[in-house]
N, C-alpha and C. Protein backbone atom coordinates (compact mmCIF):
# COMPACT_ATOMS: atom_id res chain seq x y z
N MET A 1 93.41 -0.98 -63.12
CA MET A 1 93.77 0.05 -64.08
C MET A 1 93.82 1.41 -63.38
N LYS A 2 94.82 2.21 -63.73
CA LYS A 2 94.98 3.54 -63.13
C LYS A 2 93.94 4.49 -63.70
N ASP A 3 93.42 5.36 -62.82
CA ASP A 3 92.48 6.36 -63.33
C ASP A 3 93.26 7.51 -63.97
N LYS A 4 92.54 8.32 -64.74
CA LYS A 4 93.18 9.39 -65.51
C LYS A 4 93.88 10.41 -64.60
N THR A 5 93.30 10.71 -63.44
CA THR A 5 93.91 11.67 -62.52
C THR A 5 95.26 11.17 -62.03
N GLU A 6 95.33 9.89 -61.69
CA GLU A 6 96.59 9.32 -61.23
C GLU A 6 97.65 9.36 -62.33
N VAL A 7 97.27 9.04 -63.53
CA VAL A 7 98.20 9.07 -64.66
C VAL A 7 98.70 10.50 -64.88
N ASN A 8 97.80 11.49 -64.79
CA ASN A 8 98.20 12.89 -64.96
C ASN A 8 99.16 13.32 -63.88
N ARG A 9 98.91 12.92 -62.64
CA ARG A 9 99.81 13.28 -61.54
C ARG A 9 101.20 12.68 -61.75
N ILE A 10 101.25 11.46 -62.21
CA ILE A 10 102.53 10.81 -62.48
C ILE A 10 103.26 11.54 -63.61
N ALA A 11 102.53 11.94 -64.64
CA ALA A 11 103.14 12.67 -65.76
C ALA A 11 103.71 14.00 -65.28
N VAL A 12 102.99 14.70 -64.41
CA VAL A 12 103.48 15.96 -63.86
C VAL A 12 104.75 15.72 -63.05
N PHE A 13 104.75 14.70 -62.22
CA PHE A 13 105.92 14.35 -61.42
C PHE A 13 107.12 14.03 -62.32
N GLU A 14 106.89 13.24 -63.35
CA GLU A 14 107.98 12.86 -64.26
C GLU A 14 108.54 14.08 -64.99
N ARG A 15 107.68 15.03 -65.34
CA ARG A 15 108.15 16.24 -66.01
C ARG A 15 109.02 17.07 -65.08
N VAL A 16 108.61 17.20 -63.82
CA VAL A 16 109.41 17.95 -62.85
C VAL A 16 110.78 17.31 -62.70
N ILE A 17 110.82 16.00 -62.55
CA ILE A 17 112.10 15.28 -62.41
C ILE A 17 112.95 15.49 -63.66
N ALA A 18 112.36 15.40 -64.84
CA ALA A 18 113.11 15.59 -66.09
C ALA A 18 113.71 16.99 -66.16
N VAL A 19 112.95 18.00 -65.77
CA VAL A 19 113.45 19.38 -65.79
C VAL A 19 114.60 19.54 -64.80
N LEU A 20 114.42 19.03 -63.59
CA LEU A 20 115.47 19.15 -62.58
C LEU A 20 116.74 18.42 -63.01
N GLN A 21 116.59 17.24 -63.61
CA GLN A 21 117.76 16.51 -64.10
C GLN A 21 118.45 17.27 -65.23
N ALA A 22 117.66 17.87 -66.10
CA ALA A 22 118.25 18.65 -67.20
C ALA A 22 119.02 19.85 -66.65
N ILE A 23 118.48 20.51 -65.65
CA ILE A 23 119.19 21.64 -65.04
C ILE A 23 120.49 21.16 -64.42
N GLN A 24 120.45 20.02 -63.77
CA GLN A 24 121.64 19.46 -63.12
C GLN A 24 122.74 19.12 -64.12
N THR A 25 122.37 18.65 -65.30
CA THR A 25 123.37 18.13 -66.24
C THR A 25 123.69 19.05 -67.42
N THR A 26 122.96 20.15 -67.56
CA THR A 26 123.18 21.06 -68.68
C THR A 26 124.08 22.21 -68.24
N PRO A 27 125.21 22.41 -68.92
CA PRO A 27 126.13 23.47 -68.51
C PRO A 27 125.47 24.85 -68.44
N VAL A 28 124.65 25.20 -69.41
CA VAL A 28 123.94 26.47 -69.39
C VAL A 28 122.45 26.15 -69.53
N ALA A 29 121.80 25.98 -68.41
CA ALA A 29 120.39 25.58 -68.40
C ALA A 29 119.50 26.83 -68.52
N SER A 30 119.41 27.34 -69.73
CA SER A 30 118.59 28.51 -69.99
C SER A 30 117.16 28.07 -70.29
N THR A 31 116.25 29.03 -70.28
CA THR A 31 114.86 28.73 -70.59
C THR A 31 114.75 28.05 -71.95
N SER A 32 115.39 28.62 -72.95
CA SER A 32 115.29 28.06 -74.30
C SER A 32 115.93 26.68 -74.39
N GLU A 33 117.03 26.46 -73.70
CA GLU A 33 117.69 25.15 -73.71
C GLU A 33 116.81 24.10 -73.02
N LEU A 34 116.24 24.46 -71.89
CA LEU A 34 115.36 23.52 -71.18
C LEU A 34 114.10 23.23 -71.99
N ARG A 35 113.59 24.24 -72.64
CA ARG A 35 112.42 24.04 -73.50
C ARG A 35 112.75 23.05 -74.62
N GLU A 36 113.89 23.23 -75.22
CA GLU A 36 114.31 22.34 -76.32
C GLU A 36 114.49 20.90 -75.83
N GLN A 37 115.12 20.74 -74.66
CA GLN A 37 115.44 19.41 -74.15
C GLN A 37 114.25 18.66 -73.56
N VAL A 38 113.50 19.33 -72.67
CA VAL A 38 112.49 18.60 -71.90
C VAL A 38 111.10 19.20 -71.91
N LEU A 39 110.93 20.37 -72.52
CA LEU A 39 109.61 21.00 -72.56
C LEU A 39 109.21 21.38 -73.99
N PRO A 40 109.47 20.51 -74.97
CA PRO A 40 109.24 20.89 -76.37
C PRO A 40 107.77 21.13 -76.72
N ASP A 41 106.87 20.62 -75.91
CA ASP A 41 105.45 20.81 -76.18
C ASP A 41 104.91 22.13 -75.65
N LEU A 42 105.77 22.93 -75.00
CA LEU A 42 105.35 24.20 -74.44
C LEU A 42 105.89 25.36 -75.28
N SER A 43 105.12 26.43 -75.34
CA SER A 43 105.62 27.66 -75.95
C SER A 43 106.69 28.24 -75.03
N LEU A 44 107.46 29.19 -75.53
CA LEU A 44 108.48 29.81 -74.69
C LEU A 44 107.84 30.44 -73.46
N ARG A 45 106.73 31.14 -73.65
CA ARG A 45 106.06 31.80 -72.52
C ARG A 45 105.55 30.77 -71.51
N SER A 46 105.01 29.66 -71.97
CA SER A 46 104.54 28.61 -71.06
C SER A 46 105.71 27.98 -70.31
N ALA A 47 106.84 27.78 -71.00
CA ALA A 47 108.03 27.24 -70.34
C ALA A 47 108.53 28.20 -69.27
N GLN A 48 108.48 29.50 -69.55
CA GLN A 48 108.88 30.50 -68.56
C GLN A 48 107.97 30.42 -67.33
N ARG A 49 106.67 30.30 -67.54
CA ARG A 49 105.73 30.20 -66.42
C ARG A 49 105.96 28.91 -65.64
N TYR A 50 106.22 27.82 -66.34
CA TYR A 50 106.46 26.54 -65.68
C TYR A 50 107.70 26.62 -64.79
N LEU A 51 108.77 27.17 -65.33
CA LEU A 51 110.01 27.31 -64.56
C LEU A 51 109.83 28.29 -63.41
N LYS A 52 109.03 29.32 -63.60
CA LYS A 52 108.74 30.27 -62.52
C LYS A 52 108.01 29.54 -61.38
N GLY A 53 107.14 28.61 -61.73
CA GLY A 53 106.45 27.81 -60.72
C GLY A 53 107.42 26.96 -59.91
N LEU A 54 108.41 26.36 -60.58
CA LEU A 54 109.42 25.58 -59.88
C LEU A 54 110.28 26.48 -59.00
N GLU A 55 110.49 27.71 -59.45
CA GLU A 55 111.24 28.67 -58.64
C GLU A 55 110.43 29.04 -57.39
N ARG A 56 109.15 29.33 -57.56
CA ARG A 56 108.30 29.68 -56.41
C ARG A 56 108.20 28.52 -55.42
N ALA A 57 108.25 27.29 -55.91
CA ALA A 57 108.18 26.11 -55.04
C ALA A 57 109.52 25.85 -54.35
N GLY A 58 110.58 26.57 -54.76
CA GLY A 58 111.87 26.45 -54.10
C GLY A 58 112.81 25.40 -54.67
N TYR A 59 112.53 24.89 -55.87
CA TYR A 59 113.38 23.87 -56.47
C TYR A 59 114.47 24.42 -57.37
N VAL A 60 114.24 25.59 -57.95
CA VAL A 60 115.24 26.20 -58.82
C VAL A 60 115.37 27.68 -58.49
N SER A 61 116.50 28.23 -58.88
CA SER A 61 116.69 29.68 -58.82
C SER A 61 117.13 30.11 -60.21
N GLN A 62 116.90 31.37 -60.51
CA GLN A 62 117.28 31.85 -61.83
C GLN A 62 118.19 33.06 -61.72
N LYS A 63 118.95 33.24 -62.77
CA LYS A 63 119.84 34.39 -62.86
C LYS A 63 119.69 34.98 -64.25
N LEU A 64 119.46 36.26 -64.31
CA LEU A 64 119.40 36.97 -65.59
C LEU A 64 120.72 37.68 -65.79
N ASP A 65 121.40 37.37 -66.87
CA ASP A 65 122.66 38.04 -67.18
C ASP A 65 122.41 39.11 -68.23
N ALA A 66 123.17 40.17 -68.18
CA ALA A 66 122.97 41.31 -69.08
C ALA A 66 123.04 40.92 -70.55
N GLY A 67 123.89 39.98 -70.91
CA GLY A 67 124.07 39.62 -72.32
C GLY A 67 123.06 38.63 -72.86
N TRP A 68 122.15 38.16 -72.04
CA TRP A 68 121.20 37.12 -72.47
C TRP A 68 120.02 37.73 -73.20
N HIS A 69 119.41 36.91 -74.04
CA HIS A 69 118.18 37.34 -74.70
C HIS A 69 117.11 37.60 -73.66
N ARG A 70 116.27 38.52 -73.93
CA ARG A 70 115.20 38.88 -73.00
C ARG A 70 114.36 37.65 -72.67
N GLY A 71 114.17 37.40 -71.40
CA GLY A 71 113.34 36.28 -70.96
C GLY A 71 114.05 34.94 -70.96
N ASP A 72 115.31 34.90 -71.32
CA ASP A 72 116.04 33.63 -71.38
C ASP A 72 116.95 33.52 -70.16
N ALA A 73 116.35 33.28 -69.02
CA ALA A 73 117.09 33.18 -67.77
C ALA A 73 117.90 31.89 -67.73
N ARG A 74 118.87 31.87 -66.86
CA ARG A 74 119.67 30.67 -66.62
C ARG A 74 119.23 30.11 -65.27
N TYR A 75 119.00 28.80 -65.22
CA TYR A 75 118.46 28.16 -64.01
C TYR A 75 119.48 27.28 -63.31
N PHE A 76 119.35 27.24 -62.00
CA PHE A 76 120.23 26.45 -61.13
C PHE A 76 119.37 25.71 -60.11
N LEU A 77 119.83 24.55 -59.69
CA LEU A 77 119.13 23.82 -58.64
C LEU A 77 119.36 24.50 -57.30
N THR A 78 118.34 24.52 -56.46
CA THR A 78 118.48 25.02 -55.10
C THR A 78 118.90 23.84 -54.21
N GLU A 79 119.21 24.14 -52.97
CA GLU A 79 119.57 23.07 -52.03
C GLU A 79 118.43 22.07 -51.88
N LYS A 80 117.21 22.56 -51.90
CA LYS A 80 116.04 21.69 -51.80
C LYS A 80 116.03 20.65 -52.92
N ALA A 81 116.30 21.08 -54.15
CA ALA A 81 116.32 20.17 -55.28
C ALA A 81 117.54 19.25 -55.23
N LYS A 82 118.67 19.79 -54.84
CA LYS A 82 119.89 18.98 -54.75
C LYS A 82 119.72 17.83 -53.78
N GLN A 83 118.98 18.05 -52.71
CA GLN A 83 118.74 16.98 -51.73
C GLN A 83 117.97 15.82 -52.35
N LEU A 84 117.11 16.11 -53.31
CA LEU A 84 116.37 15.04 -53.98
C LEU A 84 117.29 14.07 -54.71
N PHE A 85 118.38 14.62 -55.25
CA PHE A 85 119.33 13.82 -56.03
C PHE A 85 120.57 13.43 -55.25
N GLY A 86 120.67 13.87 -54.01
CA GLY A 86 121.86 13.57 -53.22
C GLY A 86 123.08 14.29 -53.73
N VAL A 87 122.90 15.46 -54.35
CA VAL A 87 124.00 16.23 -54.90
C VAL A 87 124.69 17.00 -53.78
N GLN A 88 125.99 16.97 -53.78
CA GLN A 88 126.78 17.71 -52.80
C GLN A 88 127.25 19.01 -53.43
N GLY A 89 127.20 20.11 -52.66
CA GLY A 89 127.76 21.38 -53.13
C GLY A 89 126.90 22.21 -53.97
């Protein structure tokens, strides 16, 4: 039987993969869109912090556009993340 720590680590890994896949397949992968799709258990502020962590780790980059709601950045996969999925370009 798996211990609780191992199960938690797997859950964290699966969440990261789900977020990266959502960014890859969502035309406008904004904070609110990603929260709705794959982070529904997080508040908007927690989702922002989570995505900021993925940005600091080098898996995503964000762009703030002038017309967007405050704090609703748009996310893109970095080359590091694209390599995980074998994405070209």
